[in-house]
C-alpha cells in the first residue's frame, strides 16, 4: 500500500527566504503526524502543498502514490476553529452535506445523501446538531461539524491546520478523540498542524518540528528533547516532562520560548504545557 503522503527532496522557497529544503517525509496509513513550530515556519504552507494549492520549488509531493492535485477527494481538510456569526442560519446537517456535494446547496438532498449525513454526524457524536443553526453552536460543536464535513469523501488522510485553535481544553480533547477514533477504526492518516503538542501527544506517532528553515523529524521522544530544540532555535531550550505532558522553557533576546497554559502560546513559542 502506498504512503498516504510522501515528500521527496521537497523545498519551498519564497523571495529571500527558504521555509524548508531537502525534506523527505513519508506518512503511512493510520499514522498520526504532528507538525510543530513557531508562526511563519512553514507549517500551513506544508498543508497547502499537500492540497495542491502551493507548488514546491524543488522535489516531489504525492498523495496516495500520485502527484498532488487540487480537489483530491482522498484528502479531508479540517481548518482552524473560527466561529460562524450568530446570525448564520445554515443547519448542521446542511453544512456537513456540503462536503458530499457542495454544488447542490439549496436543492433537496437525495435520500442517500441524507443517510450519509446522518452517518457522518454519528461518527463525530453530533447527531443532535443536525437541525441546529451553526451560528448558535459552540466552537467545539462547530469543529465537530467541520470534521464530519472533512470525512464526507471517506479520505485516506486528514489534514488538520490548527484545528484546536480557540477551543478550551475540554473541546480540544474531544476533537482529538474523534480524530483518533477515525484513525484507529479506518486507518486514516492524520497530518496535524498545531502549536500545542500536549493535546495530541498521547496519539502522536511522529513529530515534524520546523524552525527558521530547519526541521527535525522523528518520534516525540526523539524530537521533543532539550538538545534537539536548542539546536533548532539556536538558543538554550529546556524540555521537561510532567507526567504525560511536556513543558518547553527557554529563550533569549532573539527567539522566545515560553511555558504556557490554557490561554495558548505566545507568537513564536513552541508547544508547552496545557
Protein backbone atom coordinates (compact mmCIF):
# COMPACT_ATOMS: atom_id res chain seq x y z
CA UNK A 1 0.00 0.00 0.00
CA UNK A 2 1.35 3.43 -0.95
CA UNK A 3 2.04 6.07 1.69
CA UNK A 4 -0.86 8.46 2.03
CA UNK A 5 1.52 11.45 1.90
CA UNK A 6 5.05 11.47 0.54
CA UNK A 7 7.51 14.31 0.01
CA UNK A 8 10.87 13.63 -1.65
CA UNK A 9 13.64 16.23 -1.63
CA UNK A 10 10.99 18.87 -1.06
CA UNK A 11 11.94 22.54 -0.97
CA UNK A 12 9.71 25.58 -0.60
CA UNK A 13 11.28 28.95 -1.23
CA UNK A 14 9.87 32.45 -1.39
CA UNK A 15 11.83 35.54 -2.48
CA UNK A 16 14.62 35.97 0.03
CA UNK A 17 13.59 33.06 2.22
CA UNK A 18 13.60 29.27 2.23
CA UNK A 19 10.95 27.76 4.50
CA UNK A 20 12.40 24.26 4.23
CA UNK A 21 14.55 22.21 1.90
CA UNK A 22 15.62 18.58 1.40
CA UNK A 23 12.53 17.42 3.26
CA UNK A 24 11.83 13.71 2.90
CA UNK A 25 8.55 12.77 4.54
CA UNK A 26 6.51 9.57 4.46
CA UNK A 27 3.13 9.30 6.19
CA UNK A 28 1.83 5.75 6.27
CA UNK A 29 -1.84 4.69 6.53
CA UNK A 30 -3.08 5.16 10.08
CA UNK A 31 -0.10 7.28 11.15
CA UNK A 32 -0.57 10.44 13.24
CA UNK A 33 1.99 13.13 12.38
CA UNK A 34 2.11 16.30 14.50
CA UNK A 35 3.61 19.32 12.71
CA UNK A 36 5.03 21.86 15.16
CA UNK A 37 6.95 25.12 15.06
CA UNK A 38 6.55 28.87 15.52
CA UNK A 39 4.44 31.10 13.30
CA UNK A 40 5.98 31.57 9.88
CA UNK A 41 8.00 28.35 9.94
CA UNK A 42 6.07 26.78 7.05
CA UNK A 43 3.54 24.53 8.79
CA UNK A 44 0.46 25.81 6.98
CA UNK A 45 2.45 26.04 3.74
CA UNK A 46 3.10 22.30 4.05
CA UNK A 47 -0.66 21.74 4.22
CA UNK A 48 -1.15 23.90 1.11
CA UNK A 49 1.47 21.87 -0.76
CA UNK A 50 -0.32 18.61 0.05
CA UNK A 51 -3.63 20.18 -1.00
CA UNK A 52 -2.10 21.11 -4.35
CA UNK A 53 -2.53 24.83 -3.69
CA UNK A 54 1.16 25.71 -3.47
CA UNK A 55 3.82 24.26 -5.81
CA UNK A 56 7.15 23.08 -4.47
CA UNK A 57 10.24 24.93 -5.55
CA UNK A 58 12.04 21.59 -5.85
CA UNK A 59 11.24 17.96 -5.19
CA UNK A 60 8.10 15.90 -5.40
CA UNK A 61 4.88 15.67 -3.39
CA UNK A 62 2.49 12.72 -3.72
CA UNK A 63 -0.78 11.67 -2.12
CA UNK A 64 -1.73 8.01 -2.36
CA UNK A 65 1.16 7.43 -4.75
CA UNK A 66 0.00 10.08 -7.25
CA UNK A 67 1.22 13.69 -7.71
CA UNK A 68 -0.64 16.20 -5.56
CA UNK A 69 -3.56 17.97 -7.19
CA UNK A 70 -6.31 20.35 -6.19
CA UNK A 71 -9.68 18.86 -5.30
CA UNK A 72 -8.27 15.45 -4.34
CA UNK A 73 -11.16 13.66 -2.64
CA UNK A 74 -8.79 11.31 -0.84
CA UNK A 75 -7.89 14.28 1.37
CA UNK A 76 -10.09 15.63 4.14
CA UNK A 77 -9.28 19.14 5.37
CA UNK A 78 -10.11 20.47 8.83
CA UNK A 79 -9.33 24.20 9.18
CA UNK A 80 -8.91 26.38 12.24
CA UNK A 81 -11.84 26.70 14.60
CA UNK A 82 -13.12 30.14 13.67
CA UNK A 83 -16.64 30.80 14.78
CA UNK A 84 -19.56 31.45 12.46
CA UNK A 85 -21.63 34.55 13.08
CA UNK A 86 -24.62 34.09 15.38
CA UNK A 87 -26.95 35.03 12.52
CA UNK A 88 -25.80 32.22 10.17
CA UNK A 89 -28.96 30.15 9.63
CA UNK A 90 -27.43 27.09 7.92
CA UNK A 91 -28.21 23.91 9.85
CA UNK A 92 -25.56 21.49 10.99
CA UNK A 93 -26.75 18.74 8.64
CA UNK A 94 -26.75 21.10 5.65
CA UNK A 95 -23.19 22.17 6.47
CA UNK A 96 -21.99 18.56 6.51
CA UNK A 97 -23.82 17.84 3.24
CA UNK A 98 -21.66 20.47 1.52
CA UNK A 99 -18.76 18.06 1.93
CA UNK A 100 -20.64 15.42 -0.07
CA UNK A 101 -21.96 17.51 -2.94
CA UNK A 102 -21.37 21.21 -2.41
CA UNK A 103 -22.77 22.19 -5.80
CA UNK A 104 -26.22 21.01 -4.72
CA UNK A 105 -26.53 23.61 -1.95
CA UNK A 106 -30.08 24.87 -1.86
CA UNK A 107 -31.51 21.78 -3.57
CA UNK A 108 -33.22 18.90 -1.77
CA UNK A 109 -30.67 16.27 -0.71
CA UNK A 110 -31.06 12.82 -2.29
CA UNK A 111 -32.08 10.14 0.18
CA UNK A 112 -28.63 8.50 0.02
CA UNK A 113 -27.07 11.85 0.98
CA UNK A 114 -29.37 12.18 3.95
CA UNK A 115 -28.27 8.74 5.14
CA UNK A 116 -24.63 9.68 4.59
CA UNK A 117 -25.00 12.92 6.55
CA UNK A 118 -26.62 11.05 9.42
CA UNK A 119 -23.73 8.58 9.45
CA UNK A 120 -21.11 11.34 9.38
CA UNK A 121 -22.80 13.19 12.23
CA UNK A 122 -22.89 9.97 14.23
CA UNK A 123 -19.15 9.43 13.64
CA UNK A 124 -18.35 12.73 15.32
CA UNK A 125 -21.03 12.34 18.02
CA UNK A 126 -23.03 15.26 16.64
CA UNK A 127 -26.35 13.74 15.57
CA UNK A 128 -28.13 16.18 17.87
CA UNK A 129 -26.71 19.10 15.86
CA UNK A 130 -28.31 18.16 12.53
CA UNK A 131 -31.13 20.71 12.76
CA UNK A 132 -29.35 23.34 14.86
CA UNK A 133 -28.24 26.62 13.19
CA UNK A 134 -24.44 26.52 13.12
CA UNK A 135 -24.21 30.14 14.21
CA UNK A 136 -25.76 29.16 17.55
CA UNK A 137 -23.29 26.35 18.28
CA UNK A 138 -20.20 26.47 20.47
CA UNK A 139 -16.73 26.45 18.92
CA UNK A 140 -16.29 22.80 19.83
CA UNK A 141 -19.62 21.83 18.28
CA UNK A 142 -18.80 23.73 15.09
CA UNK A 143 -15.45 21.97 14.89
CA UNK A 144 -17.15 18.57 15.11
CA UNK A 145 -19.20 19.55 12.07
CA UNK A 146 -16.03 20.59 10.22
CA UNK A 147 -14.56 17.16 10.91
CA UNK A 148 -17.76 15.47 9.71
CA UNK A 149 -17.63 17.52 6.53
CA UNK A 150 -13.96 16.59 6.03
CA UNK A 151 -14.86 12.89 6.33
CA UNK A 152 -17.60 13.11 3.70
CA UNK A 153 -15.39 11.67 0.92
CA UNK A 154 -14.02 8.86 3.13
CA UNK A 155 -10.50 10.32 2.84
CA UNK A 156 -7.21 8.47 3.15
CA UNK A 157 -5.67 11.38 5.03
CA UNK A 158 -6.96 14.17 7.26
CA UNK A 159 -5.10 17.48 7.09
CA UNK A 160 -5.80 19.45 10.25
CA UNK A 161 -4.49 23.04 10.24
CA UNK A 162 -4.59 24.43 13.80
CA UNK A 163 -7.85 22.57 14.36
CA UNK A 164 -7.66 23.15 18.14
CA UNK A 165 -7.18 26.90 17.97
CA UNK A 166 -9.53 28.89 20.24
CA UNK A 167 -11.02 25.75 21.80
CA UNK A 168 -10.99 25.18 25.54
CA UNK A 169 -9.25 22.12 26.95
CA UNK A 170 -12.41 20.00 27.11
CA UNK A 171 -13.30 20.63 23.48
CA UNK A 172 -9.66 20.18 22.41
CA UNK A 173 -9.66 16.72 23.93
CA UNK A 174 -12.99 15.83 22.35
CA UNK A 175 -11.78 16.86 18.89
CA UNK A 176 -8.56 14.85 19.31
CA UNK A 177 -10.51 11.80 20.49
CA UNK A 178 -12.83 11.94 17.47
CA UNK A 179 -9.95 12.24 15.01
CA UNK A 180 -8.00 9.47 16.72
CA UNK A 181 -11.03 7.17 16.68
CA UNK A 182 -11.35 7.71 12.94
CA UNK A 183 -7.66 6.95 12.51
CA UNK A 184 -7.82 3.71 14.50
CA UNK A 185 -11.04 2.38 13.00
CA UNK A 186 -10.44 3.33 9.35
CA UNK A 187 -6.66 3.52 9.00
CA UNK A 188 -6.91 7.20 8.07
CA UNK A 189 -3.62 9.08 8.28
CA UNK A 190 -3.57 12.38 10.16
CA UNK A 191 -1.29 15.36 9.50
CA UNK A 192 -1.99 17.67 12.41
CA UNK A 193 -0.57 21.20 12.44
CA UNK A 194 -0.62 22.63 15.95
CA UNK A 195 1.10 24.96 18.41
CA UNK A 196 0.19 22.61 21.27
CA UNK A 197 1.80 19.17 21.47
CA UNK A 198 0.15 18.12 24.72
CA UNK A 199 -3.44 17.63 23.49
CA UNK A 200 -2.20 15.26 20.76
CA UNK A 201 0.87 13.79 22.45
CA UNK A 202 -0.81 10.51 23.56
CA UNK A 203 -1.85 9.71 19.96
CA UNK A 204 1.17 11.09 18.07
CA UNK A 205 3.43 8.65 16.22
CA UNK A 206 5.81 11.18 14.65
CA UNK A 207 6.70 14.85 15.02
CA UNK A 208 7.88 17.21 12.30
CA UNK A 209 9.31 20.30 14.03
CA UNK A 210 10.02 23.29 11.77
CA UNK A 211 12.06 26.32 12.72
CA UNK A 212 13.76 29.06 10.67
CA UNK A 213 14.44 26.92 7.60
CA UNK A 214 15.46 23.86 9.62
CA UNK A 215 13.46 20.86 10.75
CA UNK A 216 13.66 17.62 12.70
CA UNK A 217 11.54 14.56 12.05
CA UNK A 218 11.13 11.56 14.34
CA UNK A 219 9.16 10.15 17.23
CA UNK A 220 8.08 12.53 20.02
CA UNK A 221 10.85 11.14 22.25
CA UNK A 222 13.42 11.78 19.52
CA UNK A 223 12.36 15.31 18.63
CA UNK A 224 10.97 16.81 21.84
CA UNK A 225 14.34 16.86 23.57
CA UNK A 226 16.35 19.68 25.12
CA UNK A 227 19.34 19.28 22.79
CA UNK A 228 17.21 18.98 19.65
CA UNK A 229 15.12 22.11 20.24
CA UNK A 230 18.18 24.02 21.44
CA UNK A 231 19.82 23.26 18.10
CA UNK A 232 16.71 24.24 16.13
CA UNK A 233 16.25 27.53 17.99
CA UNK A 234 19.98 28.31 18.20
CA UNK A 235 19.20 29.29 21.76
CA UNK A 236 19.04 27.42 25.09
CA UNK A 237 15.80 25.47 25.40
CA UNK A 238 14.81 23.02 28.11
CA UNK A 239 12.20 20.31 27.66
CA UNK A 240 10.65 19.00 30.87
CA UNK A 241 8.28 16.08 31.19
CA UNK A 242 5.46 16.35 33.73
CA UNK A 243 3.65 13.05 33.70
CA UNK A 244 2.23 12.67 30.19
CA UNK A 245 2.76 16.34 29.32
CA UNK A 246 5.68 18.40 28.06
CA UNK A 247 6.84 21.84 29.15
CA UNK A 248 9.23 23.74 26.89
CA UNK A 249 11.21 26.56 28.52
CA UNK A 250 13.94 28.89 27.37
CA UNK A 251 14.69 31.73 25.05
CA UNK A 252 16.92 34.77 24.78
CA UNK A 253 16.70 38.18 23.21
CA UNK A 254 16.02 36.58 19.82
CA UNK A 255 13.78 33.52 19.70
CA UNK A 256 11.48 33.35 22.72
CA UNK A 257 10.21 30.09 24.07
CA UNK A 258 7.71 30.09 26.92
CA UNK A 259 5.89 27.71 29.15
CA UNK A 260 2.24 28.48 28.62
CA UNK A 261 -1.12 27.27 29.78
CA UNK A 262 -4.75 27.26 28.71
CA UNK A 263 -4.63 30.69 27.11
CA UNK A 264 -2.39 29.45 24.29
CA UNK A 265 1.10 30.18 23.07
CA UNK A 266 2.72 33.48 22.52
CA UNK A 267 3.64 34.15 18.91
CA UNK A 268 6.75 32.19 18.04
CA UNK A 269 6.50 29.84 21.01
CA UNK A 270 6.64 26.09 20.59
CA UNK A 271 4.39 23.68 22.39
CA UNK A 272 4.15 23.98 26.13
CA UNK A 273 2.03 22.67 28.97
CA UNK A 274 -1.71 22.52 28.99
